[in-house]
Amino acid sequence: RGDLFVSDSGNDRVVRLPADGGPQRTVPATGLNSPYGLAFDPAGS
């Protein structure tokens, strides 16, 4: 969709900024500790 995801490593979370200008959201991933690289597969996972 063009939403931008960033590993917010110092906060142990991944956040998402919608392409349409909507509010920032935290991705529902639990137990992260210094997340680093991100990737999407063709199915959108």
Full PDB file with SEQRES, HELIX, SHEET, SSBOND, CRYST1, ORIGX, SCALE, CONECT and MASTER records, all heavy atoms in Angstrom:
SEQRES   1 A   45  ARG GLY ASP LEU PHE VAL SER ASP SER GLY ASN ASP ARG          
SEQRES   2 A   45  VAL VAL ARG LEU PRO ALA ASP GLY GLY PRO GLN ARG THR          
SEQRES   3 A   45  VAL PRO ALA THR GLY LEU ASN SER PRO TYR GLY LEU ALA          
SEQRES   4 A   45  PHE ASP PRO ALA GLY SER                                      
HELIX    1 AA1 SER A    9  ASN A   11  5                                   3    
SHEET    1 AA1 3 LEU A   4  ASP A   8  0                                        
SHEET    2 AA1 3 ARG A  13  LEU A  17 -1                                        
SHEET    3 AA1 3 ARG A  25  THR A  26 -1                                        
CRYST1    1.000    1.000    1.000  90.00  90.00  90.00 P 1           1          
ORIGX1      1.000000  0.000000  0.000000        0.00000                         
ORIGX2      0.000000  1.000000  0.000000        0.00000                         
ORIGX3      0.000000  0.000000  1.000000        0.00000                         
SCALE1      1.000000  0.000000  0.000000        0.00000                         
SCALE2      0.000000  1.000000  0.000000        0.00000                         
SCALE3      0.000000  0.000000  1.000000        0.00000                         
ATOM      1  N   ARG A   1       0.817  -1.221   0.000  1.00  0.00           N  
ATOM      2  CA  ARG A   1       0.000   0.000   0.000  1.00  0.00           C  
ATOM      3  C   ARG A   1       0.847   1.265   0.000  1.00  0.00           C  
ATOM      4  O   ARG A   1       0.319   2.362  -0.153  1.00  0.00           O  
ATOM      5  CB  ARG A   1      -0.905   0.023   1.239  1.00  0.00           C  
ATOM      6  CG  ARG A   1      -2.109  -0.876   1.157  1.00  0.00           C  
ATOM      7  CD  ARG A   1      -2.932  -0.774   2.421  1.00  0.00           C  
ATOM      8  NE  ARG A   1      -2.194  -1.337   3.551  1.00  0.00           N  
ATOM      9  CZ  ARG A   1      -2.272  -2.623   3.910  1.00  0.00           C  
ATOM     10  NH1 ARG A   1      -3.029  -3.458   3.235  1.00  0.00           N  
ATOM     11  NH2 ARG A   1      -1.587  -3.063   4.943  1.00  0.00           N  
ATOM     12  N   GLY A   2       2.150   1.090   0.258  1.00  0.00           N  
ATOM     13  CA  GLY A   2       3.008   2.249   0.374  1.00  0.00           C  
ATOM     14  C   GLY A   2       3.158   2.752   1.795  1.00  0.00           C  
ATOM     15  O   GLY A   2       3.754   3.810   2.022  1.00  0.00           O  
ATOM     16  N   ASP A   3       2.614   2.009   2.772  1.00  0.00           N  
ATOM     17  CA  ASP A   3       2.845   2.351   4.170  1.00  0.00           C  
ATOM     18  C   ASP A   3       4.307   2.076   4.506  1.00  0.00           C  
ATOM     19  O   ASP A   3       4.887   1.084   4.033  1.00  0.00           O  
ATOM     20  CB  ASP A   3       1.955   1.520   5.102  1.00  0.00           C  
ATOM     21  CG  ASP A   3       0.462   1.795   4.932  1.00  0.00           C  
ATOM     22  OD1 ASP A   3       0.103   2.673   4.126  1.00  0.00           O  
ATOM     23  OD2 ASP A   3      -0.335   1.112   5.597  1.00  0.00           O  
ATOM     24  N   LEU A   4       4.897   2.948   5.310  1.00  0.00           N  
ATOM     25  CA  LEU A   4       6.303   2.816   5.673  1.00  0.00           C  
ATOM     26  C   LEU A   4       6.436   2.231   7.077  1.00  0.00           C  
ATOM     27  O   LEU A   4       5.827   2.733   8.025  1.00  0.00           O  
ATOM     28  CB  LEU A   4       7.005   4.181   5.614  1.00  0.00           C  
ATOM     29  CG  LEU A   4       8.485   4.223   6.011  1.00  0.00           C  
ATOM     30  CD1 LEU A   4       9.328   3.308   5.140  1.00  0.00           C  
ATOM     31  CD2 LEU A   4       9.006   5.654   5.961  1.00  0.00           C  
ATOM     32  N   PHE A   5       7.240   1.177   7.189  1.00  0.00           N  
ATOM     33  CA  PHE A   5       7.484   0.495   8.460  1.00  0.00           C  
ATOM     34  C   PHE A   5       8.925   0.763   8.885  1.00  0.00           C  
ATOM     35  O   PHE A   5       9.824   0.768   8.051  1.00  0.00           O  
ATOM     36  CB  PHE A   5       7.278  -1.015   8.309  1.00  0.00           C  
ATOM     37  CG  PHE A   5       5.853  -1.421   8.093  1.00  0.00           C  
ATOM     38  CD1 PHE A   5       5.187  -1.099   6.918  1.00  0.00           C  
ATOM     39  CD2 PHE A   5       5.157  -2.146   9.065  1.00  0.00           C  
ATOM     40  CE1 PHE A   5       3.871  -1.477   6.714  1.00  0.00           C  
ATOM     41  CE2 PHE A   5       3.842  -2.528   8.862  1.00  0.00           C  
ATOM     42  CZ  PHE A   5       3.193  -2.193   7.692  1.00  0.00           C  
ATOM     43  N   VAL A   6       9.129   0.968  10.184  1.00  0.00           N  
ATOM     44  CA  VAL A   6      10.473   1.192  10.702  1.00  0.00           C  
ATOM     45  C   VAL A   6      10.658   0.370  11.981  1.00  0.00           C  
ATOM     46  O   VAL A   6       9.755   0.301  12.820  1.00  0.00           O  
ATOM     47  CB  VAL A   6      10.757   2.690  10.965  1.00  0.00           C  
ATOM     48  CG1 VAL A   6       9.739   3.307  11.899  1.00  0.00           C  
ATOM     49  CG2 VAL A   6      12.179   2.900  11.497  1.00  0.00           C  
ATOM     50  N   SER A   7      11.832  -0.259  12.088  1.00  0.00           N  
ATOM     51  CA  SER A   7      12.201  -0.926  13.340  1.00  0.00           C  
ATOM     52  C   SER A   7      12.672   0.148  14.315  1.00  0.00           C  
ATOM     53  O   SER A   7      13.725   0.757  14.119  1.00  0.00           O  
ATOM     54  CB  SER A   7      13.326  -1.937  13.100  1.00  0.00           C  
ATOM     55  OG  SER A   7      12.843  -3.097  12.474  1.00  0.00           O  
ATOM     56  N   ASP A   8      11.860   0.365  15.330  1.00  0.00           N  
ATOM     57  CA  ASP A   8      12.159   1.354  16.363  1.00  0.00           C  
ATOM     58  C   ASP A   8      12.924   0.609  17.455  1.00  0.00           C  
ATOM     59  O   ASP A   8      12.390   0.265  18.503  1.00  0.00           O  
ATOM     60  CB  ASP A   8      10.831   1.935  16.861  1.00  0.00           C  
ATOM     61  CG  ASP A   8      10.995   3.082  17.826  1.00  0.00           C  
ATOM     62  OD1 ASP A   8      12.114   3.614  17.935  1.00  0.00           O  
ATOM     63  OD2 ASP A   8       9.991   3.435  18.478  1.00  0.00           O  
ATOM     64  N   SER A   9      14.215   0.350  17.164  1.00  0.00           N  
ATOM     65  CA  SER A   9      14.942  -0.663  17.945  1.00  0.00           C  
ATOM     66  C   SER A   9      15.102  -0.281  19.410  1.00  0.00           C  
ATOM     67  O   SER A   9      15.044  -1.126  20.293  1.00  0.00           O  
ATOM     68  CB  SER A   9      16.307  -0.953  17.305  1.00  0.00           C  
ATOM     69  OG  SER A   9      17.214   0.103  17.521  1.00  0.00           O  
ATOM     70  N   GLY A  10      15.297   1.016  19.684  1.00  0.00           N  
ATOM     71  CA  GLY A  10      15.465   1.430  21.066  1.00  0.00           C  
ATOM     72  C   GLY A  10      14.209   1.286  21.901  1.00  0.00           C  
ATOM     73  O   GLY A  10      14.267   1.246  23.136  1.00  0.00           O  
ATOM     74  N   ASN A  11      13.066   1.183  21.227  1.00  0.00           N  
ATOM     75  CA  ASN A  11      11.782   0.973  21.913  1.00  0.00           C  
ATOM     76  C   ASN A  11      11.247  -0.448  21.747  1.00  0.00           C  
ATOM     77  O   ASN A  11      10.097  -0.724  22.135  1.00  0.00           O  
ATOM     78  CB  ASN A  11      10.742   1.977  21.411  1.00  0.00           C  
ATOM     79  CG  ASN A  11      11.033   3.393  21.865  1.00  0.00           C  
ATOM     80  OD1 ASN A  11      11.373   3.621  23.028  1.00  0.00           O  
ATOM     81  ND2 ASN A  11      10.920   4.359  20.961  1.00  0.00           N  
ATOM     82  N   ASP A  12      12.052  -1.341  21.138  1.00  0.00           N  
ATOM     83  CA  ASP A  12      11.678  -2.752  20.989  1.00  0.00           C  
ATOM     84  C   ASP A  12      10.329  -2.929  20.292  1.00  0.00           C  
ATOM     85  O   ASP A  12       9.500  -3.745  20.694  1.00  0.00           O  
ATOM     86  CB  ASP A  12      11.646  -3.451  22.362  1.00  0.00           C  
ATOM     87  CG  ASP A  12      12.992  -3.419  23.056  1.00  0.00           C  
ATOM     88  OD1 ASP A  12      14.022  -3.533  22.366  1.00  0.00           O  
ATOM     89  OD2 ASP A  12      13.027  -3.264  24.295  1.00  0.00           O  
ATOM     90  N   ARG A  13      10.142  -2.186  19.229  1.00  0.00           N  
ATOM     91  CA  ARG A  13       8.875  -2.265  18.497  1.00  0.00           C  
ATOM     92  C   ARG A  13       9.103  -1.915  17.033  1.00  0.00           C  
ATOM     93  O   ARG A  13      10.153  -1.380  16.651  1.00  0.00           O  
ATOM     94  CB  ARG A  13       7.845  -1.296  19.101  1.00  0.00           C  
ATOM     95  CG  ARG A  13       8.249   0.163  18.954  1.00  0.00           C  
ATOM     96  CD  ARG A  13       7.216   1.144  19.490  1.00  0.00           C  
ATOM     97  NE  ARG A  13       7.665   2.527  19.218  1.00  0.00           N  
ATOM     98  CZ  ARG A  13       6.883   3.593  19.327  1.00  0.00           C  
ATOM     99  NH1 ARG A  13       5.614   3.464  19.698  1.00  0.00           N  
ATOM    100  NH2 ARG A  13       7.368   4.812  19.051  1.00  0.00           N  
ATOM    101  N   VAL A  14       8.096  -2.219  16.218  1.00  0.00           N  
ATOM    102  CA  VAL A  14       8.057  -1.781  14.819  1.00  0.00           C  
ATOM    103  C   VAL A  14       6.842  -0.880  14.681  1.00  0.00           C  
ATOM    104  O   VAL A  14       5.750  -1.216  15.156  1.00  0.00           O  
ATOM    105  CB  VAL A  14       7.960  -2.981  13.855  1.00  0.00           C  
ATOM    106  CG1 VAL A  14       7.803  -2.516  12.406  1.00  0.00           C  
ATOM    107  CG2 VAL A  14       9.188  -3.884  13.995  1.00  0.00           C  
ATOM    108  N   VAL A  15       7.036   0.280  14.058  1.00  0.00           N  
ATOM    109  CA  VAL A  15       5.922   1.199  13.859  1.00  0.00           C  
ATOM    110  C   VAL A  15       5.678   1.408  12.369  1.00  0.00           C  
ATOM    111  O   VAL A  15       6.554   1.199  11.533  1.00  0.00           O  
ATOM    112  CB  VAL A  15       6.131   2.542  14.582  1.00  0.00           C  
ATOM    113  CG1 VAL A  15       6.126   2.345  16.092  1.00  0.00           C  
ATOM    114  CG2 VAL A  15       7.396   3.222  14.140  1.00  0.00           C  
ATOM    115  N   ARG A  16       4.457   1.843  12.086  1.00  0.00           N  
ATOM    116  CA  ARG A  16       3.964   1.942  10.708  1.00  0.00           C  
ATOM    117  C   ARG A  16       3.352   3.320  10.501  1.00  0.00           C  
ATOM    118  O   ARG A  16       2.575   3.801  11.327  1.00  0.00           O  
ATOM    119  CB  ARG A  16       2.906   0.860  10.524  1.00  0.00           C  
ATOM    120  CG  ARG A  16       2.050   0.964   9.285  1.00  0.00           C  
ATOM    121  CD  ARG A  16       0.967  -0.099   9.376  1.00  0.00           C  
ATOM    122  NE  ARG A  16       0.305  -0.332   8.116  1.00  0.00           N  
ATOM    123  CZ  ARG A  16      -0.443  -1.397   7.865  1.00  0.00           C  
ATOM    124  NH1 ARG A  16      -0.612  -2.319   8.800  1.00  0.00           N  
ATOM    125  NH2 ARG A  16      -1.009  -1.543   6.691  1.00  0.00           N  
ATOM    126  N   LEU A  17       3.727   3.944   9.392  1.00  0.00           N  
ATOM    127  CA  LEU A  17       3.161   5.238   9.033  1.00  0.00           C  
ATOM    128  C   LEU A  17       2.370   5.070   7.740  1.00  0.00           C  
ATOM    129  O   LEU A  17       2.949   4.770   6.693  1.00  0.00           O  
ATOM    130  CB  LEU A  17       4.288   6.256   8.846  1.00  0.00           C  
ATOM    131  CG  LEU A  17       3.905   7.734   8.942  1.00  0.00           C  
ATOM    132  CD1 LEU A  17       3.370   8.073  10.325  1.00  0.00           C  
ATOM    133  CD2 LEU A  17       5.104   8.603   8.612  1.00  0.00           C  
ATOM    134  N   PRO A  18       1.044   5.227   7.804  1.00  0.00           N  
ATOM    135  CA  PRO A  18       0.234   4.984   6.610  1.00  0.00           C  
ATOM    136  C   PRO A  18       0.537   5.977   5.494  1.00  0.00           C  
ATOM    137  O   PRO A  18       0.833   7.157   5.742  1.00  0.00           O  
ATOM    138  CB  PRO A  18      -1.205   5.166   7.113  1.00  0.00           C  
ATOM    139  CG  PRO A  18      -1.130   4.938   8.594  1.00  0.00           C  
ATOM    140  CD  PRO A  18       0.200   5.478   8.998  1.00  0.00           C  
ATOM    141  N   ALA A  19       0.460   5.481   4.271  1.00  0.00           N  
ATOM    142  CA  ALA A  19       0.729   6.313   3.098  1.00  0.00           C  
ATOM    143  C   ALA A  19      -0.299   7.430   2.961  1.00  0.00           C  
ATOM    144  O   ALA A  19      -0.005   8.485   2.390  1.00  0.00           O  
ATOM    145  CB  ALA A  19       0.744   5.446   1.837  1.00  0.00           C  
ATOM    146  N   ASP A  20      -1.496   7.210   3.485  1.00  0.00           N  
ATOM    147  CA  ASP A  20      -2.567   8.198   3.325  1.00  0.00           C  
ATOM    148  C   ASP A  20      -2.505   9.323   4.354  1.00  0.00           C  
ATOM    149  O   ASP A  20      -3.398  10.165   4.425  1.00  0.00           O  
ATOM    150  CB  ASP A  20      -3.935   7.522   3.385  1.00  0.00           C  
ATOM    151  CG  ASP A  20      -4.216   6.852   4.738  1.00  0.00           C  
ATOM    152  OD1 ASP A  20      -3.442   7.086   5.697  1.00  0.00           O  
ATOM    153  OD2 ASP A  20      -5.216   6.121   4.839  1.00  0.00           O  
ATOM    154  N   GLY A  21      -1.447   9.328   5.166  1.00  0.00           N  
ATOM    155  CA  GLY A  21      -1.304  10.397   6.140  1.00  0.00           C  
ATOM    156  C   GLY A  21      -1.985  10.138   7.466  1.00  0.00           C  
ATOM    157  O   GLY A  21      -2.034  11.017   8.331  1.00  0.00           O  
ATOM    158  N   GLY A  22      -2.524   8.946   7.644  1.00  0.00           N  
ATOM    159  CA  GLY A  22      -3.156   8.599   8.912  1.00  0.00           C  
ATOM    160  C   GLY A  22      -2.155   8.512  10.038  1.00  0.00           C  
ATOM    161  O   GLY A  22      -0.942   8.658   9.831  1.00  0.00           O  
ATOM    162  N   PRO A  23      -2.646   8.257  11.252  1.00  0.00           N  
ATOM    163  CA  PRO A  23      -1.753   8.252  12.419  1.00  0.00           C  
ATOM    164  C   PRO A  23      -0.800   7.057  12.437  1.00  0.00           C  
ATOM    165  O   PRO A  23      -1.101   5.989  11.913  1.00  0.00           O  
ATOM    166  CB  PRO A  23      -2.718   8.200  13.605  1.00  0.00           C  
ATOM    167  CG  PRO A  23      -3.964   7.566  13.062  1.00  0.00           C  
ATOM    168  CD  PRO A  23      -4.055   8.023  11.637  1.00  0.00           C  
ATOM    169  N   GLN A  24       0.351   7.282  13.040  1.00  0.00           N  
ATOM    170  CA  GLN A  24       1.337   6.212  13.262  1.00  0.00           C  
ATOM    171  C   GLN A  24       0.725   5.121  14.129  1.00  0.00           C  
ATOM    172  O   GLN A  24      -0.017   5.392  15.062  1.00  0.00           O  
ATOM    173  CB  GLN A  24       2.545   6.830  13.956  1.00  0.00           C  
ATOM    174  CG  GLN A  24       3.574   5.847  14.468  1.00  0.00           C  
ATOM    175  CD  GLN A  24       4.731   6.574  15.140  1.00  0.00           C  
ATOM    176  OE1 GLN A  24       5.249   7.549  14.613  1.00  0.00           O  
ATOM    177  NE2 GLN A  24       5.135   6.115  16.300  1.00  0.00           N  
ATOM    178  N   ARG A  25       1.083   3.861  13.791  1.00  0.00           N  
ATOM    179  CA  ARG A  25       0.593   2.729  14.582  1.00  0.00           C  
ATOM    180  C   ARG A  25       1.757   1.821  14.930  1.00  0.00           C  
ATOM    181  O   ARG A  25       2.734   1.735  14.200  1.00  0.00           O  
ATOM    182  CB  ARG A  25      -0.444   1.925  13.796  1.00  0.00           C  
ATOM    183  CG  ARG A  25      -1.733   2.674  13.520  1.00  0.00           C  
ATOM    184  CD  ARG A  25      -2.809   1.710  13.074  1.00  0.00           C  
ATOM    185  NE  ARG A  25      -4.079   2.397  12.894  1.00  0.00           N  
ATOM    186  CZ  ARG A  25      -4.505   2.932  11.752  1.00  0.00           C  
ATOM    187  NH1 ARG A  25      -3.730   2.848  10.680  1.00  0.00           N  
ATOM    188  NH2 ARG A  25      -5.670   3.530  11.672  1.00  0.00           N  
ATOM    189  N   THR A  26       1.613   1.129  16.049  1.00  0.00           N  
ATOM    190  CA  THR A  26       2.599   0.117  16.420  1.00  0.00           C  
ATOM    191  C   THR A  26       2.161  -1.223  15.855  1.00  0.00           C  
ATOM    192  O   THR A  26       0.998  -1.622  16.017  1.00  0.00           O  
ATOM    193  CB  THR A  26       2.743   0.037  17.951  1.00  0.00           C  
ATOM    194  OG1 THR A  26       3.195   1.305  18.437  1.00  0.00           O  
ATOM    195  CG2 THR A  26       3.749  -1.032  18.354  1.00  0.00           C  
ATOM    196  N   VAL A  27       3.063  -1.910  15.192  1.00  0.00           N  
ATOM    197  CA  VAL A  27       2.768  -3.219  14.612  1.00  0.00           C  
ATOM    198  C   VAL A  27       2.564  -4.229  15.752  1.00  0.00           C  
ATOM    199  O   VAL A  27       3.316  -4.233  16.730  1.00  0.00           O  
ATOM    200  CB  VAL A  27       3.945  -3.658  13.703  1.00  0.00           C  
ATOM    201  CG1 VAL A  27       3.791  -5.092  13.233  1.00  0.00           C  
ATOM    202  CG2 VAL A  27       4.052  -2.704  12.513  1.00  0.00           C  
ATOM    203  N   PRO A  28       1.543  -5.098  15.646  1.00  0.00           N  
ATOM    204  CA  PRO A  28       1.246  -6.032  16.736  1.00  0.00           C  
ATOM    205  C   PRO A  28       2.199  -7.221  16.794  1.00  0.00           C  
ATOM    206  O   PRO A  28       1.819  -8.362  16.522  1.00  0.00           O  
ATOM    207  CB  PRO A  28      -0.187  -6.477  16.437  1.00  0.00           C  
ATOM    208  CG  PRO A  28      -0.308  -6.373  14.960  1.00  0.00           C  
ATOM    209  CD  PRO A  28       0.530  -5.186  14.566  1.00  0.00           C  
ATOM    210  N   ALA A  29       3.446  -6.936  17.146  1.00  0.00           N  
ATOM    211  CA  ALA A  29       4.441  -7.993  17.353  1.00  0.00           C  
ATOM    212  C   ALA A  29       4.826  -7.972  18.825  1.00  0.00           C  
ATOM    213  O   ALA A  29       5.050  -6.905  19.396  1.00  0.00           O  
ATOM    214  CB  ALA A  29       5.667  -7.755  16.478  1.00  0.00           C  
ATOM    215  N   THR A  30       4.906  -9.147  19.421  1.00  0.00           N  
ATOM    216  CA  THR A  30       5.169  -9.211  20.858  1.00  0.00           C  
ATOM    217  C   THR A  30       6.571  -9.752  21.131  1.00  0.00           C  
ATOM    218  O   THR A  30       7.101 -10.579  20.385  1.00  0.00           O  
ATOM    219  CB  THR A  30       4.145 -10.115  21.572  1.00  0.00           C  
ATOM    220  OG1 THR A  30       4.179 -11.421  20.971  1.00  0.00           O  
ATOM    221  CG2 THR A  30       2.745  -9.555  21.429  1.00  0.00           C  
ATOM    222  N   GLY A  31       7.167  -9.244  22.214  1.00  0.00           N  
ATOM    223  CA  GLY A  31       8.421  -9.792  22.708  1.00  0.00           C  
ATOM    224  C   GLY A  31       9.658  -9.399  21.944  1.00  0.00           C  
ATOM    225  O   GLY A  31      10.709 -10.019  22.098  1.00  0.00           O  
ATOM    226  N   LEU A  32       9.592  -8.359  21.119  1.00  0.00           N  
ATOM    227  CA  LEU A  32      10.763  -7.955  20.342  1.00  0.00           C  
ATOM    228  C   LEU A  32      11.843  -7.363  21.249  1.00  0.00           C  
ATOM    229  O   LEU A  32      11.541  -6.709  22.250  1.00  0.00           O  
ATOM    230  CB  LEU A  32      10.382  -6.913  19.287  1.00  0.00           C  
ATOM    231  CG  LEU A  32       9.359  -7.314  18.222  1.00  0.00           C  
ATOM    232  CD1 LEU A  32       9.106  -6.150  17.266  1.00  0.00           C  
ATOM    233  CD2 LEU A  32       9.807  -8.547  17.459  1.00  0.00           C  
ATOM    234  N   ASN A  33      13.109  -7.579  20.854  1.00  0.00           N  
ATOM    235  CA  ASN A  33      14.242  -7.013  21.574  1.00  0.00           C  
ATOM    236  C   ASN A  33      15.248  -6.489  20.550  1.00  0.00           C  
ATOM    237  O   ASN A  33      15.953  -7.264  19.921  1.00  0.00           O  
ATOM    238  CB  ASN A  33      14.878  -8.064  22.490  1.00  0.00           C  
ATOM    239  CG  ASN A  33      15.916  -7.476  23.430  1.00  0.00           C  
ATOM    240  OD1 ASN A  33      16.441  -6.388  23.199  1.00  0.00           O  
ATOM    241  ND2 ASN A  33      16.230  -8.204  24.480  1.00  0.00           N  
ATOM    242  N   SER A  34      15.248  -5.183  20.361  1.00  0.00           N  
ATOM    243  CA  SER A  34      16.095  -4.518  19.356  1.00  0.00           C  
ATOM    244  C   SER A  34      15.845  -5.060  17.947  1.00  0.00           C  
ATOM    245  O   SER A  34      16.739  -5.625  17.318  1.00  0.00           O  
ATOM    246  CB  SER A  34      17.579  -4.641  19.702  1.00  0.00           C  
ATOM    247  OG  SER A  34      17.867  -3.909  20.865  1.00  0.00           O  
ATOM    248  N   PRO A  35      14.625  -4.906  17.428  1.00  0.00           N  
ATOM    249  CA  PRO A  35      14.367  -5.344  16.058  1.00  0.00           C  
ATOM    250  C   PRO A  35      15.237  -4.592  15.074  1.00  0.00           C  
ATOM    251  O   PRO A  35      15.560  -3.417  15.277  1.00  0.00           O  
ATOM    252  CB  PRO A  35      12.886  -5.037  15.854  1.00  0.00           C  
ATOM    253  CG  PRO A  35      12.601  -3.923  16.819  1.00  0.00           C  
ATOM    254  CD  PRO A  35      13.463  -4.210  18.013  1.00  0.00           C  
ATOM    255  N   TYR A  36      15.617  -5.274  14.011  1.00  0.00           N  
ATOM    256  CA  TYR A  36      16.549  -4.711  13.024  1.00  0.00           C  
ATOM    257  C   TYR A  36      15.920  -4.762  11.635  1.00  0.00           C  
ATOM    258  O   TYR A  36      15.001  -4.016  11.352  1.00  0.00           O  
ATOM    259  CB  TYR A  36      17.880  -5.479  13.113  1.00  0.00           C  
ATOM    260  CG  TYR A  36      19.105  -4.598  13.102  1.00  0.00           C  
ATOM    261  CD1 TYR A  36      19.528  -3.958  14.250  1.00  0.00           C  
ATOM    262  CD2 TYR A  36      19.848  -4.414  11.934  1.00  0.00           C  
ATOM    263  CE1 TYR A  36      20.666  -3.151  14.240  1.00  0.00           C  
ATOM    264  CE2 TYR A  36      20.984  -3.616  11.916  1.00  0.00           C  
ATOM    265  CZ  TYR A  36      21.390  -2.985  13.069  1.00  0.00           C  
ATOM    266  OH  TYR A  36      22.507  -2.193  13.063  1.00  0.00           O  
ATOM    267  N   GLY A  37      16.409  -5.640  10.773  1.00  0.00           N  
ATOM    268  CA  GLY A  37      15.931  -5.658   9.394  1.00  0.00           C  
ATOM    269  C   GLY A  37      14.463  -6.022   9.267  1.00  0.00           C  
ATOM    270  O   GLY A  37      13.909  -6.781  10.076  1.00  0.00           O  
ATOM    271  N   LEU A  38      13.834  -5.483   8.215  1.00  0.00           N  
ATOM    272  CA  LEU A  38      12.441  -5.764   7.883  1.00  0.00           C  
ATOM    273  C   LEU A  38      12.351  -6.169   6.418  1.00  0.00           C  
ATOM    274  O   LEU A  38      13.132  -5.715   5.588  1.00  0.00           O  
ATOM    275  CB  LEU A  38      11.570  -4.522   8.075  1.00  0.00           C  
ATOM    276  CG  LEU A  38      11.518  -3.879   9.460  1.00  0.00           C  
ATOM    277  CD1 LEU A  38      10.703  -2.586   9.395  1.00  0.00           C  
ATOM    278  CD2 LEU A  38      10.901  -4.848  10.468  1.00  0.00           C  
ATOM    279  N   ALA A  39      11.371  -7.024   6.110  1.00  0.00           N  
ATOM    280  CA  ALA A  39      11.101  -7.351   4.706  1.00  0.00           C  
ATOM    281  C   ALA A  39       9.669  -7.836   4.571  1.00  0.00           C  
ATOM    282  O   ALA A  39       9.101  -8.411   5.514  1.00  0.00           O  
ATOM    283  CB  ALA A  39      12.057  -8.428   4.191  1.00  0.00           C  
ATOM    284  N   PHE A  40       9.092  -7.594   3.410  1.00  0.00           N  
ATOM    285  CA  PHE A  40       7.773  -8.128   3.066  1.00  0.00           C  
ATOM    286  C   PHE A  40       7.923  -9.166   1.972  1.00  0.00           C  
ATOM    287  O   PHE A  40       8.712  -8.987   1.033  1.00  0.00           O  
ATOM    288  CB  PHE A  40       6.852  -7.011   2.559  1.00  0.00           C  
ATOM    289  CG  PHE A  40       6.311  -6.141   3.648  1.00  0.00           C  
ATOM    290  CD1 PHE A  40       6.960  -4.977   3.997  1.00  0.00           C  
ATOM    291  CD2 PHE A  40       5.168  -6.502   4.340  1.00  0.00           C  
ATOM    292  CE1 PHE A  40       6.483  -4.169   5.017  1.00  0.00           C  
ATOM    293  CE2 PHE A  40       4.681  -5.711   5.361  1.00  0.00           C  
ATOM    294  CZ  PHE A  40       5.347  -4.538   5.705  1.00  0.00           C  
ATOM    295  N   ASP A  41       7.162 -10.261   2.083  1.00  0.00           N  
ATOM    296  CA  ASP A  41       7.140 -11.221   0.981  1.00  0.00           C  
ATOM    297  C   ASP A  41       6.031 -10.831  -0.001  1.00  0.00           C  
ATOM    298  O   ASP A  41       5.239  -9.915   0.271  1.00  0.00           O  
ATOM    299  CB  ASP A  41       7.025 -12.657   1.493  1.00  0.00           C  
ATOM    300  CG  ASP A  41       5.684 -12.992   2.122  1.00  0.00           C  
ATOM    301  OD1 ASP A  41       4.699 -12.242   1.934  1.00  0.00           O  
ATOM    302  OD2 ASP A  41       5.607 -14.033   2.812  1.00  0.00           O  
ATOM    303  N   PRO A  42       5.972 -11.475  -1.172  1.00  0.00           N  
ATOM    304  CA  PRO A  42       4.974 -11.082  -2.162  1.00  0.00           C  
ATOM    305  C   PRO A  42       3.538 -11.215  -1.680  1.00  0.00           C  
ATOM    306  O   PRO A  42       2.654 -10.524  -2.185  1.00  0.00           O  
ATOM    307  CB  PRO A  42       5.259 -12.027  -3.341  1.00  0.00           C  
ATOM    308  CG  PRO A  42       6.702 -12.377  -3.205  1.00  0.00           C  
ATOM    309  CD  PRO A  42       6.945 -12.452  -1.730  1.00  0.00           C  
ATOM    310  N   ALA A  43       3.310 -12.077  -0.676  1.00  0.00           N  
ATOM    311  CA  ALA A  43       1.952 -12.236  -0.142  1.00  0.00           C  
ATOM    312  C   ALA A  43       1.600 -11.149   0.863  1.00  0.00           C  
ATOM    313  O   ALA A  43       0.456 -11.075   1.323  1.00  0.00           O  
ATOM    314  CB  ALA A  43       1.812 -13.609   0.516  1.00  0.00           C  
ATOM    315  N   GLY A  44       2.580 -10.321   1.221  1.00  0.00           N  
ATOM    316  CA  GLY A  44       2.312  -9.237   2.153  1.00  0.00           C  
ATOM    317  C   GLY A  44       2.650  -9.527   3.598  1.00  0.00           C  
ATOM    318  O   GLY A  44       2.410  -8.685   4.467  1.00  0.00           O  
ATOM    319  N   SER A  45       3.206 -10.701   3.885  1.00  0.00           N  
ATOM    320  CA  SER A  45       3.627 -11.005   5.252  1.00  0.00           C  
ATOM    321  C   SER A  45       4.865 -10.185   5.598  1.00  0.00           C  
ATOM    322  O   SER A  45       5.741  -9.974   4.756  1.00  0.00           O  
ATOM    323  CB  SER A  45       3.948 -12.490   5.412  1.00  0.00           C  
ATOM    324  OG  SER A  45       2.812 -13.274   5.171  1.00  0.00           O  
TER     325      SER A  45                                                      
MASTER        0    0    0    1    3    0    0    6  324    1    0    4          
END                                                                             
